[in-house]
PDB file of N, CA and C in Angstrom:
ATOM      1  N   MET A   1     -93.568-104.892  71.042  1.00  0.00           N
ATOM      2  CA  MET A   1     -94.426-105.771  71.799  1.00  0.00           C
ATOM      3  C   MET A   1     -95.865-105.553  71.359  1.00  0.00           C
ATOM      4  N   LYS A   2     -96.573-106.633  71.148  1.00  0.00           N
ATOM      5  CA  LYS A   2     -97.949-106.550  70.692  1.00  0.00           C
ATOM      6  C   LYS A   2     -98.853-106.062  71.823  1.00  0.00           C
ATOM      7  N   THR A   3     -99.729-105.133  71.498  1.00  0.00           N
ATOM      8  CA  THR A   3    -100.645-104.632  72.506  1.00  0.00           C
ATOM      9  C   THR A   3    -101.847-105.565  72.612  1.00  0.00           C
ATOM     10  N   SER A   4    -102.410-105.623  73.781  1.00  0.00           N
ATOM     11  CA  SER A   4    -103.550-106.487  74.033  1.00  0.00           C
ATOM     12  C   SER A   4    -104.825-105.817  73.544  1.00  0.00           C
ATOM     13  N   ARG A   5    -105.764-106.617  73.130  1.00  0.00           N
ATOM     14  CA  ARG A   5    -107.051-106.050  72.725  1.00  0.00           C
ATOM     15  C   ARG A   5    -107.945-105.800  73.925  1.00  0.00           C
ATOM     16  N   PHE A   6    -107.506-106.254  75.087  1.00  0.00           N
ATOM     17  CA  PHE A   6    -108.237-106.036  76.330  1.00  0.00           C
ATOM     18  C   PHE A   6    -107.460-105.059  77.202  1.00  0.00           C
ATOM     19  N   SER A   7    -108.175-104.152  77.844  1.00  0.00           N
ATOM     20  CA  SER A   7    -107.519-103.247  78.788  1.00  0.00           C
ATOM     21  C   SER A   7    -107.306-103.993  80.109  1.00  0.00           C
ATOM     22  N   GLU A   8    -106.505-103.396  80.972  1.00  0.00           N
ATOM     23  CA  GLU A   8    -106.234-104.041  82.251  1.00  0.00           C
ATOM     24  C   GLU A   8    -107.500-104.179  83.084  1.00  0.00           C
ATOM     25  N   GLU A   9    -108.386-103.203  82.999  1.00  0.00           N
ATOM     26  CA  GLU A   9    -109.641-103.273  83.737  1.00  0.00           C
ATOM     27  C   GLU A   9    -110.512-104.410  83.221  1.00  0.00           C
ATOM     28  N   GLN A  10    -110.538-104.602  81.897  1.00  0.00           N
ATOM     29  CA  GLN A  10    -111.305-105.702  81.326  1.00  0.00           C
ATOM     30  C   GLN A  10    -110.718-107.047  81.743  1.00  0.00           C
ATOM     31  N   ILE A  11    -109.403-107.128  81.787  1.00  0.00           N
ATOM     32  CA  ILE A  11    -108.750-108.374  82.184  1.00  0.00           C
ATOM     33  C   ILE A  11    -109.112-108.723  83.618  1.00  0.00           C
ATOM     34  N   THR A  12    -109.057-107.739  84.511  1.00  0.00           N
ATOM     35  CA  THR A  12    -109.397-108.019  85.912  1.00  0.00           C
ATOM     36  C   THR A  12    -110.864-108.404  86.051  1.00  0.00           C
ATOM     37  N   SER A  13    -111.736-107.800  85.247  1.00  0.00           N
ATOM     38  CA  SER A  13    -113.147-108.174  85.331  1.00  0.00           C
ATOM     39  C   SER A  13    -113.374-109.590  84.815  1.00  0.00           C
ATOM     40  N   ILE A  14    -112.628-109.993  83.790  1.00  0.00           N
ATOM     41  CA  ILE A  14    -112.739-111.370  83.291  1.00  0.00           C
ATOM     42  C   ILE A  14    -112.272-112.351  84.356  1.00  0.00           C
ATOM     43  N   LEU A  15    -111.163-112.054  85.000  1.00  0.00           N
ATOM     44  CA  LEU A  15    -110.653-112.929  86.048  1.00  0.00           C
ATOM     45  C   LEU A  15    -111.612-112.999  87.230  1.00  0.00           C
ATOM     46  N   GLN A  16    -112.177-111.861  87.608  1.00  0.00           N
ATOM     47  CA  GLN A  16    -113.116-111.845  88.727  1.00  0.00           C
ATOM     48  C   GLN A  16    -114.393-112.597  88.375  1.00  0.00           C
ATOM     49  N   GLN A  17    -114.807-112.506  87.112  1.00  0.00           N
ATOM     50  CA  GLN A  17    -116.012-113.210  86.678  1.00  0.00           C
ATOM     51  C   GLN A  17    -115.825-114.714  86.812  1.00  0.00           C
ATOM     52  N   ALA A  18    -114.654-115.205  86.429  1.00  0.00           N
ATOM     53  CA  ALA A  18    -114.391-116.637  86.528  1.00  0.00           C
ATOM     54  C   ALA A  18    -114.402-117.091  87.978  1.00  0.00           C
ATOM     55  N   GLU A  19    -113.837-116.290  88.873  1.00  0.00           N
ATOM     56  CA  GLU A  19    -113.788-116.669  90.284  1.00  0.00           C
ATOM     57  C   GLU A  19    -115.149-116.490  90.954  1.00  0.00           C
ATOM     58  N   ARG A  20    -115.829-115.411  90.622  1.00  0.00           N
ATOM     59  CA  ARG A  20    -117.076-115.064  91.286  1.00  0.00           C
ATOM     60  C   ARG A  20    -118.212-116.010  90.885  1.00  0.00           C
ATOM     61  N   ASP A  21    -118.373-116.250  89.580  1.00  0.00           N
ATOM     62  CA  ASP A  21    -119.499-117.038  89.096  1.00  0.00           C
ATOM     63  C   ASP A  21    -119.256-118.535  89.191  1.00  0.00           C
ATOM     64  N   GLY A  22    -117.998-118.921  89.382  1.00  0.00           N
ATOM     65  CA  GLY A  22    -117.704-120.334  89.527  1.00  0.00           C
ATOM     66  C   GLY A  22    -117.759-121.114  88.223  1.00  0.00           C
ATOM     67  N   ILE A  23    -117.650-120.430  87.090  1.00  0.00           N
ATOM     68  CA  ILE A  23    -117.642-121.144  85.823  1.00  0.00           C
ATOM     69  C   ILE A  23    -116.220-121.596  85.507  1.00  0.00           C
ATOM     70  N   THR A  24    -116.097-122.573  84.658  1.00  0.00           N
ATOM     71  CA  THR A  24    -114.788-123.148  84.382  1.00  0.00           C
ATOM     72  C   THR A  24    -113.952-122.203  83.527  1.00  0.00           C
ATOM     73  N   VAL A  25    -112.660-122.442  83.543  1.00  0.00           N
ATOM     74  CA  VAL A  25    -111.722-121.634  82.768  1.00  0.00           C
ATOM     75  C   VAL A  25    -112.005-121.787  81.277  1.00  0.00           C
ATOM     76  N   GLU A  26    -112.336-123.000  80.856  1.00  0.00           N
ATOM     77  CA  GLU A  26    -112.614-123.249  79.441  1.00  0.00           C
ATOM     78  C   GLU A  26    -113.799-122.413  78.957  1.00  0.00           C
ATOM     79  N   GLU A  27    -114.831-122.306  79.788  1.00  0.00           N
ATOM     80  CA  GLU A  27    -116.009-121.520  79.409  1.00  0.00           C
ATOM     81  C   GLU A  27    -115.671-120.035  79.315  1.00  0.00           C
ATOM     82  N   VAL A  28    -114.892-119.550  80.255  1.00  0.00           N
ATOM     83  CA  VAL A  28    -114.499-118.140  80.230  1.00  0.00           C
ATOM     84  C   VAL A  28    -113.671-117.856  78.987  1.00  0.00           C
ATOM     85  N   CYS A  29    -112.727-118.736  78.682  1.00  0.00           N
ATOM     86  CA  CYS A  29    -111.867-118.549  77.512  1.00  0.00           C
ATOM     87  C   CYS A  29    -112.683-118.585  76.232  1.00  0.00           C
ATOM     88  N   ARG A  30    -113.626-119.496  76.138  1.00  0.00           N
ATOM     89  CA  ARG A  30    -114.470-119.591  74.951  1.00  0.00           C
ATOM     90  C   ARG A  30    -115.345-118.356  74.804  1.00  0.00           C
ATOM     91  N   LYS A  31    -115.873-117.865  75.917  1.00  0.00           N
ATOM     92  CA  LYS A  31    -116.762-116.708  75.884  1.00  0.00           C
ATOM     93  C   LYS A  31    -116.033-115.452  75.409  1.00  0.00           C
ATOM     94  N   HIS A  32    -114.790-115.270  75.850  1.00  0.00           N
ATOM     95  CA  HIS A  32    -114.054-114.055  75.527  1.00  0.00           C
ATOM     96  C   HIS A  32    -113.081-114.228  74.368  1.00  0.00           C
ATOM     97  N   GLY A  33    -112.958-115.442  73.847  1.00  0.00           N
ATOM     98  CA  GLY A  33    -112.108-115.682  72.695  1.00  0.00           C
ATOM     99  C   GLY A  33    -110.624-115.607  72.996  1.00  0.00           C
ATOM    100  N   ILE A  34    -110.238-116.161  74.127  1.00  0.00           N
ATOM    101  CA  ILE A  34    -108.821-116.166  74.507  1.00  0.00           C
ATOM    102  C   ILE A  34    -108.368-117.602  74.717  1.00  0.00           C
ATOM    103  N   HIS A  35    -107.076-117.798  74.757  1.00  0.00           N
ATOM    104  CA  HIS A  35    -106.504-119.122  74.978  1.00  0.00           C
ATOM    105  C   HIS A  35    -106.327-119.345  76.474  1.00  0.00           C
ATOM    106  N   LYS A  36    -106.298-120.624  76.873  1.00  0.00           N
ATOM    107  CA  LYS A  36    -106.128-120.938  78.289  1.00  0.00           C
ATOM    108  C   LYS A  36    -104.804-120.412  78.824  1.00  0.00           C
ATOM    109  N   GLN A  37    -103.753-120.457  78.019  1.00  0.00           N
ATOM    110  CA  GLN A  37    -102.463-119.947  78.470  1.00  0.00           C
ATOM    111  C   GLN A  37    -102.519-118.443  78.704  1.00  0.00           C
ATOM    112  N   THR A  38    -103.289-117.746  77.869  1.00  0.00           N
ATOM    113  CA  THR A  38    -103.471-116.307  78.064  1.00  0.00           C
ATOM    114  C   THR A  38    -104.163-116.042  79.391  1.00  0.00           C
ATOM    115  N   TYR A  39    -105.197-116.826  79.666  1.00  0.00           N
ATOM    116  CA  TYR A  39    -105.928-116.675  80.925  1.00  0.00           C
ATOM    117  C   TYR A  39    -104.996-116.861  82.120  1.00  0.00           C
ATOM    118  N   TYR A  40    -104.193-117.921  82.087  1.00  0.00           N
ATOM    119  CA  TYR A  40    -103.315-118.185  83.217  1.00  0.00           C
ATOM    120  C   TYR A  40    -102.181-117.163  83.315  1.00  0.00           C
ATOM    121  N   GLY A  41    -101.741-116.621  82.186  1.00  0.00           N
ATOM    122  CA  GLY A  41    -100.756-115.544  82.223  1.00  0.00           C
ATOM    123  C   GLY A  41    -101.339-114.295  82.865  1.00  0.00           C
ATOM    124  N   TRP A  42    -102.591-113.982  82.509  1.00  0.00           N
ATOM    125  CA  TRP A  42    -103.269-112.844  83.134  1.00  0.00           C
ATOM    126  C   TRP A  42    -103.429-113.083  84.627  1.00  0.00           C
ATOM    127  N   LYS A  43    -103.808-114.311  84.975  1.00  0.00           N
ATOM    128  CA  LYS A  43    -104.023-114.623  86.385  1.00  0.00           C
ATOM    129  C   LYS A  43    -102.730-114.481  87.173  1.00  0.00           C
ATOM    130  N   LYS A  44    -101.617-114.841  86.546  1.00  0.00           N
ATOM    131  CA  LYS A  44    -100.319-114.708  87.201  1.00  0.00           C
ATOM    132  C   LYS A  44     -99.972-113.238  87.423  1.00  0.00           C
ATOM    133  N   LYS A  45    -100.298-112.387  86.438  1.00  0.00           N
ATOM    134  CA  LYS A  45     -99.942-110.977  86.534  1.00  0.00           C
ATOM    135  C   LYS A  45    -100.963-110.168  87.317  1.00  0.00           C
ATOM    136  N   PHE A  46    -102.248-110.388  87.077  1.00  0.00           N
ATOM    137  CA  PHE A  46    -103.303-109.555  87.648  1.00  0.00           C
ATOM    138  C   PHE A  46    -104.158-110.277  88.687  1.00  0.00           C
ATOM    139  N   GLY A  47    -103.789-111.464  89.104  1.00  0.00           N
ATOM    140  CA  GLY A  47    -104.614-112.225  90.032  1.00  0.00           C
ATOM    141  C   GLY A  47    -104.820-111.505  91.350  1.00  0.00           C
ATOM    142  N   GLY A  48    -106.070-111.394  91.774  1.00  0.00           N
ATOM    143  CA  GLY A  48    -106.387-110.751  93.045  1.00  0.00           C
ATOM    144  C   GLY A  48    -106.445-109.242  92.987  1.00  0.00           C
ATOM    145  N   MET A  49    -106.231-108.651  91.819  1.00  0.00           N
ATOM    146  CA  MET A  49    -106.276-107.192  91.701  1.00  0.00           C
ATOM    147  C   MET A  49    -107.667-106.724  91.303  1.00  0.00           C
ATOM    148  N   GLU A  50    -107.934-105.480  91.630  1.00  0.00           N
ATOM    149  CA  GLU A  50    -109.159-104.819  91.191  1.00  0.00           C
ATOM    150  C   GLU A  50    -108.775-103.672  90.272  1.00  0.00           C
ATOM    151  N   GLY A  51    -109.765-102.982  89.748  1.00  0.00           N
ATOM    152  CA  GLY A  51    -109.497-101.891  88.815  1.00  0.00           C
ATOM    153  C   GLY A  51    -108.626-100.799  89.395  1.00  0.00           C
ATOM    154  N   SER A  52    -108.835-100.451  90.655  1.00  0.00           N
ATOM    155  CA  SER A  52    -108.035 -99.399  91.281  1.00  0.00           C
ATOM    156  C   SER A  52    -106.590 -99.853  91.473  1.00  0.00           C
ATOM    157  N   ASP A  53    -106.414-101.144  91.771  1.00  0.00           N
ATOM    158  CA  ASP A  53    -105.057-101.668  91.922  1.00  0.00           C
ATOM    159  C   ASP A  53    -104.300-101.621  90.604  1.00  0.00           C
ATOM    160  N   VAL A  54    -104.993-101.908  89.519  1.00  0.00           N
ATOM    161  CA  VAL A  54    -104.360-101.886  88.196  1.00  0.00           C
ATOM    162  C   VAL A  54    -103.976-100.464  87.826  1.00  0.00           C
ATOM    163  N   ALA A  55    -104.837 -99.509  88.136  1.00  0.00           N
ATOM    164  CA  ALA A  55    -104.514 -98.108  87.852  1.00  0.00           C
ATOM    165  C   ALA A  55    -103.299 -97.668  88.658  1.00  0.00           C
ATOM    166  N   ARG A  56    -103.220 -98.084  89.910  1.00  0.00           N
ATOM    167  CA  ARG A  56    -102.071 -97.744  90.749  1.00  0.00           C
ATOM    168  C   ARG A  56    -100.799 -98.402  90.204  1.00  0.00           C
ATOM    169  N   LEU A  57    -100.910 -99.635  89.749  1.00  0.00           N
ATOM    170  CA  LEU A  57     -99.765-100.332  89.160  1.00  0.00           C
ATOM    171  C   LEU A  57     -99.274 -99.610  87.917  1.00  0.00           C
ATOM    172  N   ARG A  58    -100.187 -99.186  87.066  1.00  0.00           N
ATOM    173  CA  ARG A  58     -99.816 -98.452  85.851  1.00  0.00           C
ATOM    174  C   ARG A  58     -99.136 -97.135  86.196  1.00  0.00           C
ATOM    175  N   ALA A  59     -99.646 -96.426  87.218  1.00  0.00           N
ATOM    176  CA  ALA A  59     -99.031 -95.169  87.632  1.00  0.00           C
ATOM    177  C   ALA A  59     -97.623 -95.395  88.177  1.00  0.00           C
ATOM    178  N   LEU A  60     -97.445 -96.460  88.935  1.00  0.00           N
ATOM    179  CA  LEU A  60     -96.118 -96.771  89.466  1.00  0.00           C
ATOM    180  C   LEU A  60     -95.143 -97.144  88.357  1.00  0.00           C
ATOM    181  N   GLU A  61     -95.619 -97.865  87.347  1.00  0.00           N
ATOM    182  CA  GLU A  61     -94.748 -98.233  86.235  1.00  0.00           C
ATOM    183  C   GLU A  61     -94.313 -97.006  85.442  1.00  0.00           C
ATOM    184  N   THR A  62     -95.217 -96.061  85.209  1.00  0.00           N
ATOM    185  CA  THR A  62     -94.836 -94.852  84.475  1.00  0.00           C
ATOM    186  C   THR A  62     -93.868 -94.008  85.290  1.00  0.00           C
ATOM    187  N   GLU A  63     -94.083 -93.930  86.595  1.00  0.00           N
ATOM    188  CA  GLU A  63     -93.171 -93.181  87.459  1.00  0.00           C
ATOM    189  C   GLU A  63     -91.792 -93.835  87.475  1.00  0.00           C
ATOM    190  N   ASN A  64     -91.766 -95.166  87.525  1.00  0.00           N
ATOM    191  CA  ASN A  64     -90.506 -95.892  87.514  1.00  0.00           C
ATOM    192  C   ASN A  64     -89.752 -95.651  86.207  1.00  0.00           C
ATOM    193  N   ASN A  65     -90.453 -95.678  85.084  1.00  0.00           N
ATOM    194  CA  ASN A  65     -89.813 -95.419  83.791  1.00  0.00           C
ATOM    195  C   ASN A  65     -89.256 -93.999  83.720  1.00  0.00           C
ATOM    196  N   ARG A  66     -89.995 -93.033  84.272  1.00  0.00           N
ATOM    197  CA  ARG A  66     -89.537 -91.648  84.263  1.00  0.00           C
ATOM    198  C   ARG A  66     -88.266 -91.497  85.104  1.00  0.00           C
ATOM    199  N   LEU A  67     -88.245 -92.142  86.256  1.00  0.00           N
ATOM    200  CA  LEU A  67     -87.061 -92.064  87.113  1.00  0.00           C
ATOM    201  C   LEU A  67     -85.856 -92.759  86.488  1.00  0.00           C
ATOM    202  N   LYS A  68     -86.089 -93.875  85.794  1.00  0.00           N
ATOM    203  CA  LYS A  68     -84.992 -94.560  85.114  1.00  0.00           C
ATOM    204  C   LYS A  68     -84.389 -93.673  84.026  1.00  0.00           C
ATOM    205  N   ARG A  69     -85.232 -92.980  83.267  1.00  0.00           N
ATOM    206  CA  ARG A  69     -84.732 -92.066  82.228  1.00  0.00           C
ATOM    207  C   ARG A  69     -83.952 -90.926  82.852  1.00  0.00           C
ATOM    208  N   ALA A  70     -84.440 -90.386  83.966  1.00  0.00           N
ATOM    209  CA  ALA A  70     -83.740 -89.289  84.634  1.00  0.00           C
ATOM    210  C   ALA A  70     -82.374 -89.750  85.145  1.00  0.00           C
ATOM    211  N   LEU A  71     -82.316 -90.945  85.702  1.00  0.00           N
ATOM    212  CA  LEU A  71     -81.048 -91.475  86.189  1.00  0.00           C
ATOM    213  C   LEU A  71     -80.080 -91.713  85.032  1.00  0.00           C
ATOM    214  N   ALA A  72     -80.576 -92.235  83.924  1.00  0.00           N
ATOM    215  CA  ALA A  72     -79.711 -92.473  82.763  1.00  0.00           C
ATOM    216  C   ALA A  72     -79.164 -91.155  82.224  1.00  0.00           C
ATOM    217  N   ASP A  73     -79.990 -90.120  82.175  1.00  0.00           N
ATOM    218  CA  ASP A  73     -79.525 -88.806  81.717  1.00  0.00           C
ATOM    219  C   ASP A  73     -78.450 -88.249  82.654  1.00  0.00           C
ATOM    220  N   ALA A  74     -78.665 -88.385  83.958  1.00  0.00           N
ATOM    221  CA  ALA A  74     -77.688 -87.883  84.925  1.00  0.00           C
ATOM    222  C   ALA A  74     -76.369 -88.642  84.819  1.00  0.00           C
ATOM    223  N   MET A  75     -76.435 -89.938  84.629  1.00  0.00           N
ATOM    224  CA  MET A  75     -75.219 -90.726  84.497  1.00  0.00           C
ATOM    225  C   MET A  75     -74.468 -90.367  83.215  1.00  0.00           C
ATOM    226  N   LEU A  76     -75.215 -90.103  82.142  1.00  0.00           N
ATOM    227  CA  LEU A  76     -74.595 -89.707  80.888  1.00  0.00           C
ATOM    228  C   LEU A  76     -73.905 -88.352  81.029  1.00  0.00           C
ATOM    229  N   ASP A  77     -74.572 -87.407  81.680  1.00  0.00           N
ATOM    230  CA  ASP A  77     -73.960 -86.102  81.919  1.00  0.00           C
ATOM    231  C   ASP A  77     -72.699 -86.240  82.766  1.00  0.00           C
ATOM    232  N   ASN A  78     -72.737 -87.064  83.787  1.00  0.00           N
ATOM    233  CA  ASN A  78     -71.586 -87.291  84.652  1.00  0.00           C
ATOM    234  C   ASN A  78     -70.424 -87.887  83.866  1.00  0.00           C
ATOM    235  N   GLN A  79     -70.715 -88.834  82.995  1.00  0.00           N
ATOM    236  CA  GLN A  79     -69.667 -89.459  82.186  1.00  0.00           C
ATOM    237  C   GLN A  79     -69.042 -88.463  81.217  1.00  0.00           C
ATOM    238  N   ILE A  80     -69.845 -87.620  80.624  1.00  0.00           N
ATOM    239  CA  ILE A  80     -69.334 -86.606  79.697  1.00  0.00           C
ATOM    240  C   ILE A  80     -68.418 -85.633  80.433  1.00  0.00           C
ATOM    241  N   LEU A  81     -68.820 -85.206  81.636  1.00  0.00           N
ATOM    242  CA  LEU A  81     -67.997 -84.291  82.408  1.00  0.00           C
ATOM    243  C   LEU A  81     -66.668 -84.933  82.809  1.00  0.00           C
ATOM    244  N   LYS A  82     -66.675 -86.205  83.147  1.00  0.00           N
ATOM    245  CA  LYS A  82     -65.434 -86.892  83.482  1.00  0.00           C
ATOM    246  C   LYS A  82     -64.498 -86.958  82.277  1.00  0.00           C
ATOM    247  N   GLU A  83     -65.064 -87.218  81.100  1.00  0.00           N
ATOM    248  CA  GLU A  83     -64.239 -87.282  79.896  1.00  0.00           C
ATOM    249  C   GLU A  83     -63.652 -85.918  79.565  1.00  0.00           C
ATOM    250  N   LEU A  84     -64.401 -84.851  79.751  1.00  0.00           N
ATOM    251  CA  LEU A  84     -63.894 -83.514  79.484  1.00  0.00           C
ATOM    252  C   LEU A  84     -62.775 -83.154  80.451  1.00  0.00           C
ATOM    253  N   ASN A  85     -62.948 -83.499  81.722  1.00  0.00           N
ATOM    254  CA  ASN A  85     -61.902 -83.206  82.714  1.00  0.00           C
ATOM    255  C   ASN A  85     -60.645 -84.012  82.429  1.00  0.00           C
ATOM    256  N   ALA A  86     -60.777 -85.234  81.970  1.00  0.00           N
ATOM    257  CA  ALA A  86     -59.599 -86.058  81.677  1.00  0.00           C
ATOM    258  C   ALA A  86     -58.832 -85.496  80.494  1.00  0.00           C
ATOM    259  N   LYS A  87     -59.501 -84.919  79.528  1.00  0.00           N
ATOM    260  CA  LYS A  87     -58.822 -84.364  78.358  1.00  0.00           C
ATOM    261  C   LYS A  87     -58.086 -83.075  78.709  1.00  0.00           C
ATOM    262  N   LYS A  88     -58.590 -82.321  79.650  1.00  0.00           N
ATOM    263  CA  LYS A  88     -57.957 -81.065  80.027  1.00  0.00           C
ATOM    264  C   LYS A  88     -56.596 -81.300  80.682  1.00  0.00           C
ATOM    265  N   TRP A  89     -56.443 -82.345  81.442  1.00  0.00           N
ATOM    266  CA  TRP A  89     -55.206 -82.610  82.141  1.00  0.00           C
ATOM    267  C   TRP A  89     -54.202 -83.117  81.155  1.00  0.00           C
TER     268      TRP A  89
END
C-alpha cells in the first residue's frame, strides 16, 4: 500500500482549514496539491477529528493488530496440539 505524503495530523489540519476558513474545496486542493477525491476520502475517514483523536485512533489500530497476531499464534498452537494428540491415538 502506498504511503501518504501527508501525516494524519496534517490531513486533519487541512480538513479543519477548509471548514474553518470557509474556502472552497477546489482552493484547498489546489493549495495543497491534492485531488478532490483524495480530499473527500480524507473527509470520510478523518472528518471531525483532531490531532489527539488521530493519535488515539493510531494507538487503537496498533493494539488491535497486536491482539490479532496474538490470537492467530494461540490458534496455531492449539491446532498443532490437536494434531499431535490425534497422531498419538
